[in-house]
Amino acid sequence: MRKPPGLFRRLFASALLVWALGFLWFALALPQPAGDVRTDGVVALTGGGGRIPRAFEVLRRKLADKVLISGVDSEVRPREFAAQYKVPPRLFACCVTLGYESVDTRSNAQETVRWIAARKIGSVRLVTTDWHMRRAALDLRLAGPKDLVIVEDAVRSRPSFKVLFVEYNKLIARVVAWAAGW
C-alpha cells in the first residue's frame, strides 16, 4: 500500500510543532530558586556563575549539613578553593567535599549518588543554573535511589537563545537515550 504524498509532510510538521511548543515551555518556564527547604545535603554542579556561592549560602544558613561541589577541576586545591569562596577552614573541613570525578552532567549525577550513599543522605538540594536544572535533575533521578528527595534550587540567569536552544536539544537527546536504555 502506498502512502499518500502529504503524509510525510504532515508528520514532519506535527513533530516540528511539538518540538517548538516544547521549546517555548522550556524557555519561558525556567525552574526557580527553592525557598528555605531544609535537606540533608546540597550539591552544586560547577560550570555556571552563582552555583557555588548559592551552595555555600545554603550551608551557612544551615539549610543543609554537607556540601558536594561536583565537577571541580583536578588542578584546584581545597585551600585555594576555600579561600576563593571565603569558607572558614573549620567549616570547609567538616562539611565540604570537592568532587573531582565528573566531566559532564551524567557523571555529575553518578558522583553525587556515590557521595549520597557514603553519607546516607535521604534528601539533597540540587544547585545549578535555571536552564540546566531539568537535565541535571533528570540525570540525578535516573542515577539515584528511588526514595531520594531532590529539591531543585535553580540559580537564575539570563540565558541566550543559543544556550536555551542547545540545552533543550540536549534534554531531548537525554530523554531519548534513557527511553532507548542507553
N, C-alpha and C. Protein backbone atom coordinates (compact mmCIF):
# COMPACT_ATOMS: atom_id res chain seq x y z
N MET A 1 0.84 -1.17 0.00
CA MET A 1 0.00 0.00 0.00
C MET A 1 0.89 1.23 0.00
N ARG A 2 0.60 2.12 -0.84
CA ARG A 2 1.39 3.34 -1.00
C ARG A 2 0.86 4.44 -0.09
N LYS A 3 1.82 5.20 0.56
CA LYS A 3 1.44 6.29 1.46
C LYS A 3 0.96 7.47 0.65
N PRO A 4 -0.03 8.18 1.16
CA PRO A 4 -0.45 9.41 0.48
C PRO A 4 0.72 10.38 0.43
N PRO A 5 0.85 11.18 -0.63
CA PRO A 5 2.01 12.04 -0.82
C PRO A 5 2.22 13.05 0.30
N GLY A 6 1.22 13.51 1.00
CA GLY A 6 1.39 14.54 2.02
C GLY A 6 1.59 13.99 3.43
N LEU A 7 1.57 12.68 3.60
CA LEU A 7 1.68 12.11 4.94
C LEU A 7 3.00 12.46 5.60
N PHE A 8 4.09 12.32 4.88
CA PHE A 8 5.40 12.64 5.46
C PHE A 8 5.44 14.11 5.89
N ARG A 9 4.95 14.98 5.05
CA ARG A 9 4.96 16.42 5.37
C ARG A 9 4.13 16.71 6.62
N ARG A 10 2.98 16.06 6.72
CA ARG A 10 2.13 16.28 7.89
C ARG A 10 2.79 15.76 9.17
N LEU A 11 3.41 14.60 9.07
CA LEU A 11 4.12 14.05 10.23
C LEU A 11 5.28 14.96 10.64
N PHE A 12 6.03 15.41 9.65
CA PHE A 12 7.16 16.31 9.93
C PHE A 12 6.66 17.61 10.55
N ALA A 13 5.61 18.18 10.01
CA ALA A 13 5.05 19.44 10.53
C ALA A 13 4.54 19.24 11.96
N SER A 14 3.90 18.10 12.23
CA SER A 14 3.41 17.82 13.57
C SER A 14 4.57 17.70 14.56
N ALA A 15 5.61 16.98 14.17
CA ALA A 15 6.79 16.83 15.03
C ALA A 15 7.45 18.17 15.29
N LEU A 16 7.54 18.99 14.26
CA LEU A 16 8.13 20.31 14.40
C LEU A 16 7.30 21.19 15.34
N LEU A 17 5.99 21.09 15.24
CA LEU A 17 5.11 21.86 16.11
C LEU A 17 5.27 21.42 17.57
N VAL A 18 5.32 20.12 17.81
CA VAL A 18 5.52 19.61 19.17
C VAL A 18 6.86 20.09 19.72
N TRP A 19 7.92 20.00 18.89
CA TRP A 19 9.25 20.48 19.31
C TRP A 19 9.19 21.97 19.66
N ALA A 20 8.56 22.79 18.82
CA ALA A 20 8.51 24.24 19.03
C ALA A 20 7.72 24.59 20.29
N LEU A 21 6.59 23.93 20.51
CA LEU A 21 5.81 24.19 21.72
C LEU A 21 6.60 23.76 22.97
N GLY A 22 7.30 22.65 22.87
CA GLY A 22 8.15 22.21 23.98
C GLY A 22 9.27 23.20 24.25
N PHE A 23 9.85 23.74 23.21
CA PHE A 23 10.91 24.74 23.39
C PHE A 23 10.36 25.99 24.06
N LEU A 24 9.18 26.42 23.65
CA LEU A 24 8.57 27.59 24.30
C LEU A 24 8.36 27.35 25.80
N TRP A 25 7.82 26.19 26.14
CA TRP A 25 7.66 25.83 27.55
C TRP A 25 9.00 25.85 28.25
N PHE A 26 10.02 25.21 27.65
CA PHE A 26 11.34 25.12 28.24
C PHE A 26 11.93 26.51 28.50
N ALA A 27 11.81 27.39 27.54
CA ALA A 27 12.42 28.72 27.63
C ALA A 27 11.66 29.69 28.53
N LEU A 28 10.33 29.58 28.55
CA LEU A 28 9.52 30.55 29.28
C LEU A 28 9.23 30.14 30.73
N ALA A 29 9.36 28.88 31.03
CA ALA A 29 9.05 28.38 32.38
C ALA A 29 10.29 27.77 33.01
N LEU A 30 11.37 28.54 33.07
CA LEU A 30 12.60 28.04 33.66
C LEU A 30 12.40 27.75 35.15
N PRO A 31 13.06 26.70 35.65
CA PRO A 31 12.96 26.40 37.09
C PRO A 31 13.40 27.60 37.93
N GLN A 32 12.89 27.65 39.15
CA GLN A 32 13.12 28.78 40.05
C GLN A 32 13.95 28.36 41.26
N PRO A 33 14.48 29.34 42.01
CA PRO A 33 15.18 29.01 43.25
C PRO A 33 14.23 28.35 44.25
N ALA A 34 14.78 27.48 45.06
CA ALA A 34 13.99 26.85 46.13
C ALA A 34 13.94 27.83 47.30
N GLY A 35 12.97 27.68 48.11
CA GLY A 35 12.86 28.52 49.29
C GLY A 35 13.77 28.01 50.41
N ASP A 36 13.30 28.12 51.61
CA ASP A 36 14.08 27.74 52.79
C ASP A 36 13.86 26.27 53.17
N VAL A 37 13.79 25.42 52.20
CA VAL A 37 13.61 23.99 52.45
C VAL A 37 14.91 23.41 52.99
N ARG A 38 14.81 22.65 54.06
CA ARG A 38 15.98 22.01 54.65
C ARG A 38 16.17 20.65 54.02
N THR A 39 17.43 20.31 53.70
CA THR A 39 17.78 18.99 53.17
C THR A 39 19.01 18.48 53.92
N ASP A 40 19.29 17.19 53.78
CA ASP A 40 20.47 16.61 54.42
C ASP A 40 21.76 17.15 53.81
N GLY A 41 21.74 17.34 52.50
CA GLY A 41 22.94 17.81 51.81
C GLY A 41 22.58 18.70 50.65
N VAL A 42 23.60 19.35 50.13
CA VAL A 42 23.44 20.20 48.94
C VAL A 42 24.56 19.85 47.98
N VAL A 43 24.21 19.78 46.71
CA VAL A 43 25.21 19.54 45.68
C VAL A 43 25.13 20.66 44.66
N ALA A 44 26.29 21.24 44.38
CA ALA A 44 26.38 22.29 43.37
C ALA A 44 27.20 21.75 42.21
N LEU A 45 26.68 21.93 41.01
CA LEU A 45 27.39 21.49 39.82
C LEU A 45 28.19 22.67 39.28
N THR A 46 29.47 22.45 39.06
CA THR A 46 30.32 23.53 38.54
C THR A 46 29.93 23.83 37.10
N GLY A 47 30.35 25.00 36.64
CA GLY A 47 30.12 25.32 35.24
C GLY A 47 29.31 26.57 34.99
N GLY A 48 28.69 27.12 36.00
CA GLY A 48 27.89 28.32 35.79
C GLY A 48 28.02 29.27 36.97
N GLY A 49 27.96 30.53 36.68
CA GLY A 49 28.07 31.54 37.72
C GLY A 49 26.96 31.44 38.76
N GLY A 50 27.30 31.67 40.00
CA GLY A 50 26.33 31.70 41.08
C GLY A 50 26.03 30.37 41.73
N ARG A 51 26.44 29.27 41.12
CA ARG A 51 26.09 27.96 41.66
C ARG A 51 26.82 27.69 42.99
N ILE A 52 28.12 27.86 42.99
CA ILE A 52 28.91 27.56 44.19
C ILE A 52 28.57 28.53 45.33
N PRO A 53 28.51 29.84 45.07
CA PRO A 53 28.10 30.74 46.15
C PRO A 53 26.72 30.38 46.73
N ARG A 54 25.80 29.95 45.89
CA ARG A 54 24.46 29.56 46.37
C ARG A 54 24.58 28.37 47.31
N ALA A 55 25.40 27.37 46.95
CA ALA A 55 25.57 26.19 47.81
C ALA A 55 26.13 26.59 49.18
N PHE A 56 27.09 27.48 49.19
CA PHE A 56 27.67 27.92 50.47
C PHE A 56 26.69 28.77 51.27
N GLU A 57 25.85 29.52 50.59
CA GLU A 57 24.81 30.28 51.28
C GLU A 57 23.86 29.32 52.00
N VAL A 58 23.49 28.24 51.32
CA VAL A 58 22.61 27.22 51.91
C VAL A 58 23.27 26.61 53.15
N LEU A 59 24.56 26.31 53.05
CA LEU A 59 25.29 25.72 54.18
C LEU A 59 25.36 26.71 55.35
N ARG A 60 25.70 27.96 55.05
CA ARG A 60 25.81 28.97 56.11
C ARG A 60 24.47 29.24 56.81
N ARG A 61 23.38 29.13 56.05
CA ARG A 61 22.05 29.34 56.63
C ARG A 61 21.51 28.08 57.31
N LYS A 62 22.34 27.03 57.34
CA LYS A 62 22.00 25.76 57.99
C LYS A 62 20.78 25.09 57.37
N LEU A 63 20.63 25.25 56.07
CA LEU A 63 19.56 24.57 55.34
C LEU A 63 20.03 23.20 54.85
N ALA A 64 21.31 22.90 55.07
CA ALA A 64 21.90 21.60 54.78
C ALA A 64 23.15 21.47 55.64
N ASP A 65 23.55 20.23 55.90
CA ASP A 65 24.71 19.98 56.76
C ASP A 65 25.99 19.73 55.99
N LYS A 66 25.85 19.31 54.73
CA LYS A 66 27.00 18.92 53.94
C LYS A 66 26.87 19.46 52.53
N VAL A 67 28.02 19.70 51.90
CA VAL A 67 28.03 20.22 50.54
C VAL A 67 28.98 19.38 49.68
N LEU A 68 28.51 19.04 48.48
CA LEU A 68 29.37 18.47 47.45
C LEU A 68 29.44 19.47 46.31
N ILE A 69 30.64 19.82 45.93
CA ILE A 69 30.84 20.62 44.72
C ILE A 69 31.31 19.62 43.66
N SER A 70 30.45 19.31 42.73
CA SER A 70 30.71 18.27 41.73
C SER A 70 31.27 18.87 40.45
N GLY A 71 32.35 18.26 39.95
CA GLY A 71 32.93 18.71 38.69
C GLY A 71 34.08 19.67 38.85
N VAL A 72 34.75 19.63 39.99
CA VAL A 72 35.88 20.53 40.25
C VAL A 72 37.07 20.10 39.40
N ASP A 73 37.75 21.04 38.82
CA ASP A 73 38.95 20.77 38.01
C ASP A 73 40.03 20.15 38.89
N SER A 74 40.73 19.17 38.35
CA SER A 74 41.74 18.44 39.12
C SER A 74 42.90 19.33 39.59
N GLU A 75 43.08 20.48 38.99
CA GLU A 75 44.16 21.39 39.39
C GLU A 75 43.80 22.23 40.61
N VAL A 76 42.53 22.28 40.97
CA VAL A 76 42.07 23.11 42.07
C VAL A 76 42.39 22.43 43.40
N ARG A 77 43.02 23.16 44.29
CA ARG A 77 43.38 22.67 45.62
C ARG A 77 42.34 23.15 46.64
N PRO A 78 42.02 22.32 47.61
CA PRO A 78 41.00 22.69 48.60
C PRO A 78 41.27 24.03 49.30
N ARG A 79 42.49 24.27 49.69
CA ARG A 79 42.80 25.52 50.41
C ARG A 79 42.51 26.74 49.52
N GLU A 80 42.90 26.66 48.25
CA GLU A 80 42.64 27.76 47.32
C GLU A 80 41.13 27.94 47.10
N PHE A 81 40.45 26.83 46.99
CA PHE A 81 39.00 26.86 46.77
C PHE A 81 38.31 27.53 47.96
N ALA A 82 38.68 27.10 49.17
CA ALA A 82 38.09 27.67 50.39
C ALA A 82 38.37 29.16 50.48
N ALA A 83 39.56 29.57 50.13
CA ALA A 83 39.92 31.00 50.18
C ALA A 83 39.11 31.79 49.15
N GLN A 84 38.98 31.25 47.95
CA GLN A 84 38.25 31.96 46.90
C GLN A 84 36.80 32.22 47.30
N TYR A 85 36.18 31.25 47.95
CA TYR A 85 34.77 31.38 48.31
C TYR A 85 34.56 31.80 49.77
N LYS A 86 35.67 32.14 50.43
CA LYS A 86 35.62 32.66 51.81
C LYS A 86 34.91 31.70 52.76
N VAL A 87 35.29 30.44 52.68
CA VAL A 87 34.75 29.42 53.56
C VAL A 87 35.77 29.18 54.66
N PRO A 88 35.40 29.39 55.93
CA PRO A 88 36.35 29.17 57.02
C PRO A 88 36.89 27.74 57.00
N PRO A 89 38.18 27.56 57.32
CA PRO A 89 38.79 26.22 57.28
C PRO A 89 38.03 25.16 58.09
N ARG A 90 37.51 25.54 59.24
CA ARG A 90 36.79 24.60 60.08
C ARG A 90 35.50 24.12 59.41
N LEU A 91 34.76 25.04 58.80
CA LEU A 91 33.54 24.69 58.09
C LEU A 91 33.87 23.86 56.86
N PHE A 92 34.92 24.24 56.16
CA PHE A 92 35.33 23.50 54.97
C PHE A 92 35.69 22.06 55.33
N ALA A 93 36.46 21.89 56.42
CA ALA A 93 36.92 20.56 56.83
C ALA A 93 35.77 19.64 57.23
N CYS A 94 34.78 20.19 57.89
CA CYS A 94 33.69 19.33 58.38
C CYS A 94 32.64 19.02 57.34
N CYS A 95 32.44 19.97 56.43
CA CYS A 95 31.17 19.92 55.70
C CYS A 95 31.26 19.99 54.18
N VAL A 96 32.45 20.16 53.62
CA VAL A 96 32.56 20.38 52.18
C VAL A 96 33.38 19.26 51.54
N THR A 97 32.84 18.72 50.47
CA THR A 97 33.55 17.73 49.65
C THR A 97 33.70 18.31 48.26
N LEU A 98 34.94 18.28 47.75
CA LEU A 98 35.18 18.67 46.36
C LEU A 98 35.19 17.40 45.53
N GLY A 99 34.34 17.35 44.53
CA GLY A 99 34.25 16.18 43.66
C GLY A 99 35.03 16.42 42.38
N TYR A 100 36.03 15.61 42.18
CA TYR A 100 36.93 15.76 41.03
C TYR A 100 36.64 14.76 39.91
N GLU A 101 35.65 13.91 40.07
CA GLU A 101 35.44 12.78 39.16
C GLU A 101 34.61 13.10 37.92
N SER A 102 33.76 14.09 37.99
CA SER A 102 32.81 14.28 36.89
C SER A 102 33.31 15.28 35.85
N VAL A 103 32.84 15.04 34.63
CA VAL A 103 33.21 15.90 33.49
C VAL A 103 32.00 16.39 32.71
N ASP A 104 30.82 15.88 33.05
CA ASP A 104 29.59 16.28 32.36
C ASP A 104 28.41 16.04 33.30
N THR A 105 27.23 16.33 32.83
CA THR A 105 26.05 16.26 33.69
C THR A 105 25.76 14.84 34.16
N ARG A 106 25.92 13.87 33.29
CA ARG A 106 25.67 12.48 33.69
C ARG A 106 26.66 12.03 34.75
N SER A 107 27.93 12.37 34.58
CA SER A 107 28.91 11.96 35.59
C SER A 107 28.76 12.79 36.87
N ASN A 108 28.21 14.01 36.78
CA ASN A 108 27.86 14.76 37.99
C ASN A 108 26.87 13.94 38.82
N ALA A 109 25.86 13.40 38.15
CA ALA A 109 24.85 12.61 38.84
C ALA A 109 25.45 11.36 39.48
N GLN A 110 26.33 10.68 38.76
CA GLN A 110 26.95 9.47 39.30
C GLN A 110 27.83 9.80 40.50
N GLU A 111 28.60 10.89 40.40
CA GLU A 111 29.44 11.31 41.51
C GLU A 111 28.57 11.67 42.72
N THR A 112 27.48 12.36 42.47
CA THR A 112 26.56 12.77 43.53
C THR A 112 25.95 11.55 44.22
N VAL A 113 25.57 10.55 43.46
CA VAL A 113 24.97 9.34 44.03
C VAL A 113 25.97 8.62 44.94
N ARG A 114 27.22 8.55 44.54
CA ARG A 114 28.24 7.93 45.40
C ARG A 114 28.40 8.72 46.70
N TRP A 115 28.41 10.03 46.58
CA TRP A 115 28.55 10.91 47.75
C TRP A 115 27.34 10.72 48.69
N ILE A 116 26.15 10.67 48.12
CA ILE A 116 24.91 10.47 48.89
C ILE A 116 24.95 9.13 49.63
N ALA A 117 25.35 8.08 48.94
CA ALA A 117 25.40 6.75 49.56
C ALA A 117 26.42 6.70 50.69
N ALA A 118 27.57 7.30 50.50
CA ALA A 118 28.62 7.28 51.52
C ALA A 118 28.21 8.03 52.78
N ARG A 119 27.33 9.00 52.64
CA ARG A 119 26.92 9.83 53.78
C ARG A 119 25.50 9.54 54.24
N LYS A 120 24.86 8.55 53.63
CA LYS A 120 23.50 8.15 54.00
C LYS A 120 22.53 9.33 53.97
N ILE A 121 22.56 10.04 52.85
CA ILE A 121 21.72 11.23 52.67
C ILE A 121 20.39 10.82 52.06
N GLY A 122 19.30 11.31 52.63
CA GLY A 122 17.97 10.99 52.12
C GLY A 122 17.34 12.11 51.31
N SER A 123 17.87 13.33 51.49
CA SER A 123 17.35 14.46 50.73
C SER A 123 18.51 15.37 50.34
N VAL A 124 18.44 15.87 49.12
CA VAL A 124 19.52 16.71 48.61
C VAL A 124 18.94 17.89 47.85
N ARG A 125 19.60 19.02 48.03
CA ARG A 125 19.26 20.23 47.28
C ARG A 125 20.23 20.27 46.10
N LEU A 126 19.69 20.29 44.90
CA LEU A 126 20.49 20.35 43.68
C LEU A 126 20.57 21.80 43.23
N VAL A 127 21.79 22.32 43.16
CA VAL A 127 22.00 23.71 42.76
C VAL A 127 22.71 23.73 41.41
N THR A 128 22.02 24.30 40.44
CA THR A 128 22.60 24.52 39.12
C THR A 128 21.83 25.67 38.48
N THR A 129 22.28 26.08 37.33
CA THR A 129 21.64 27.20 36.64
C THR A 129 20.24 26.80 36.15
N ASP A 130 19.35 27.77 36.09
CA ASP A 130 17.95 27.51 35.72
C ASP A 130 17.82 26.75 34.40
N TRP A 131 18.59 27.11 33.39
CA TRP A 131 18.46 26.45 32.09
C TRP A 131 19.02 25.03 32.12
N HIS A 132 19.84 24.69 33.09
CA HIS A 132 20.48 23.38 33.19
C HIS A 132 19.73 22.43 34.14
N MET A 133 18.83 22.97 34.95
CA MET A 133 18.21 22.21 36.03
C MET A 133 17.44 20.99 35.55
N ARG A 134 16.67 21.09 34.51
CA ARG A 134 15.82 19.95 34.12
C ARG A 134 16.65 18.72 33.76
N ARG A 135 17.71 18.92 33.00
CA ARG A 135 18.54 17.77 32.60
C ARG A 135 19.34 17.25 33.79
N ALA A 136 19.87 18.15 34.62
CA ALA A 136 20.64 17.73 35.79
C ALA A 136 19.76 16.94 36.76
N ALA A 137 18.55 17.43 37.00
CA ALA A 137 17.63 16.74 37.90
C ALA A 137 17.20 15.39 37.32
N LEU A 138 16.98 15.34 36.02
CA LEU A 138 16.63 14.06 35.38
C LEU A 138 17.75 13.05 35.57
N ASP A 139 18.98 13.45 35.30
CA ASP A 139 20.10 12.52 35.45
C ASP A 139 20.25 12.06 36.89
N LEU A 140 20.06 12.97 37.85
CA LEU A 140 20.17 12.58 39.26
C LEU A 140 19.04 11.63 39.64
N ARG A 141 17.83 11.89 39.15
CA ARG A 141 16.71 10.97 39.44
C ARG A 141 16.96 9.59 38.85
N LEU A 142 17.50 9.55 37.64
CA LEU A 142 17.75 8.26 36.99
C LEU A 142 18.87 7.48 37.67
N ALA A 143 19.89 8.18 38.18
CA ALA A 143 21.05 7.52 38.79
C ALA A 143 20.84 7.22 40.27
N GLY A 144 20.02 8.03 40.93
CA GLY A 144 19.89 7.94 42.39
C GLY A 144 18.91 6.90 42.86
N PRO A 145 18.90 6.71 44.17
CA PRO A 145 17.92 5.78 44.75
C PRO A 145 16.50 6.33 44.55
N LYS A 146 15.55 5.46 44.41
CA LYS A 146 14.17 5.86 44.11
C LYS A 146 13.55 6.71 45.22
N ASP A 147 14.00 6.53 46.46
CA ASP A 147 13.42 7.28 47.56
C ASP A 147 14.17 8.58 47.87
N LEU A 148 15.13 8.94 47.07
CA LEU A 148 15.88 10.18 47.28
C LEU A 148 14.98 11.39 47.01
N VAL A 149 14.94 12.31 47.95
CA VAL A 149 14.20 13.55 47.78
C VAL A 149 15.15 14.58 47.18
N ILE A 150 14.77 15.13 46.03
CA ILE A 150 15.60 16.12 45.35
C ILE A 150 14.84 17.45 45.34
N VAL A 151 15.47 18.45 45.93
CA VAL A 151 14.92 19.80 45.92
C VAL A 151 15.69 20.57 44.86
N GLU A 152 14.99 21.03 43.85
CA GLU A 152 15.63 21.76 42.75
C GLU A 152 15.76 23.23 43.14
N ASP A 153 17.00 23.70 43.20
CA ASP A 153 17.29 25.08 43.59
C ASP A 153 18.03 25.75 42.43
N ALA A 154 17.26 26.33 41.53
CA ALA A 154 17.83 26.91 40.31
C ALA A 154 18.42 28.29 40.57
N VAL A 155 19.59 28.51 40.03
CA VAL A 155 20.22 29.83 40.07
C VAL A 155 19.73 30.58 38.84
N ARG A 156 19.12 31.71 39.07
CA ARG A 156 18.58 32.49 37.96
C ARG A 156 19.70 33.00 37.06
N SER A 157 19.40 33.05 35.78
CA SER A 157 20.37 33.54 34.80
C SER A 157 19.62 34.27 33.69
N ARG A 158 20.37 34.76 32.77
CA ARG A 158 19.78 35.38 31.57
C ARG A 158 20.37 34.65 30.37
N PRO A 159 19.88 33.43 30.12
CA PRO A 159 20.47 32.64 29.04
C PRO A 159 20.16 33.22 27.66
N SER A 160 21.10 33.05 26.78
CA SER A 160 20.90 33.47 25.39
C SER A 160 20.00 32.46 24.69
N PHE A 161 19.49 32.84 23.54
CA PHE A 161 18.69 31.92 22.74
C PHE A 161 19.51 30.68 22.42
N LYS A 162 20.78 30.87 22.09
CA LYS A 162 21.66 29.74 21.74
C LYS A 162 21.77 28.76 22.91
N VAL A 163 22.00 29.27 24.13
CA VAL A 163 22.11 28.40 25.30
C VAL A 163 20.81 27.62 25.49
N LEU A 164 19.68 28.29 25.41
CA LEU A 164 18.39 27.61 25.56
C LEU A 164 18.17 26.57 24.48
N PHE A 165 18.50 26.91 23.25
CA PHE A 165 18.33 26.00 22.11
C PHE A 165 19.17 24.74 22.31
N VAL A 166 20.43 24.93 22.65
CA VAL A 166 21.34 23.78 22.82
C VAL A 166 20.88 22.92 24.00
N GLU A 167 20.56 23.55 25.12
CA GLU A 167 20.18 22.80 26.32
C GLU A 167 18.86 22.06 26.12
N TYR A 168 17.91 22.66 25.43
CA TYR A 168 16.64 21.99 25.16
C TYR A 168 16.88 20.73 24.32
N ASN A 169 17.72 20.84 23.33
CA ASN A 169 18.01 19.68 22.49
C ASN A 169 18.82 18.62 23.23
N LYS A 170 19.68 19.04 24.15
CA LYS A 170 20.40 18.07 24.99
C LYS A 170 19.41 17.32 25.89
N LEU A 171 18.43 18.04 26.41
CA LEU A 171 17.42 17.40 27.24
C LEU A 171 16.62 16.38 26.44
N ILE A 172 16.23 16.75 25.24
CA ILE A 172 15.50 15.80 24.38
C ILE A 172 16.37 14.58 24.09
N ALA A 173 17.62 14.81 23.76
CA ALA A 173 18.53 13.69 23.47
C ALA A 173 18.68 12.79 24.69
N ARG A 174 18.75 13.38 25.88
CA ARG A 174 18.90 12.60 27.11
C ARG A 174 17.65 11.76 27.36
N VAL A 175 16.48 12.33 27.14
CA VAL A 175 15.23 11.58 27.33
C VAL A 175 15.16 10.43 26.32
N VAL A 176 15.52 10.69 25.09
CA VAL A 176 15.52 9.64 24.06
C VAL A 176 16.51 8.54 24.42
N ALA A 177 17.71 8.93 24.88
CA ALA A 177 18.72 7.93 25.28
C ALA A 177 18.21 7.08 26.45
N TRP A 178 17.58 7.72 27.42
CA TRP A 178 17.02 6.98 28.54
C TRP A 178 15.93 6.01 28.08
N ALA A 179 15.03 6.50 27.21
CA ALA A 179 13.95 5.66 26.71
C ALA A 179 14.47 4.47 25.92
N ALA A 180 15.61 4.68 25.26
CA ALA A 180 16.22 3.60 24.47
C ALA A 180 17.09 2.68 25.33
N GLY A 181 17.25 3.02 26.62
CA GLY A 181 18.04 2.19 27.50
C GLY A 181 19.54 2.44 27.48
N TRP A 182 19.92 3.60 26.98
CA TRP A 182 21.36 3.91 26.93
C TRP A 182 21.83 4.53 28.20
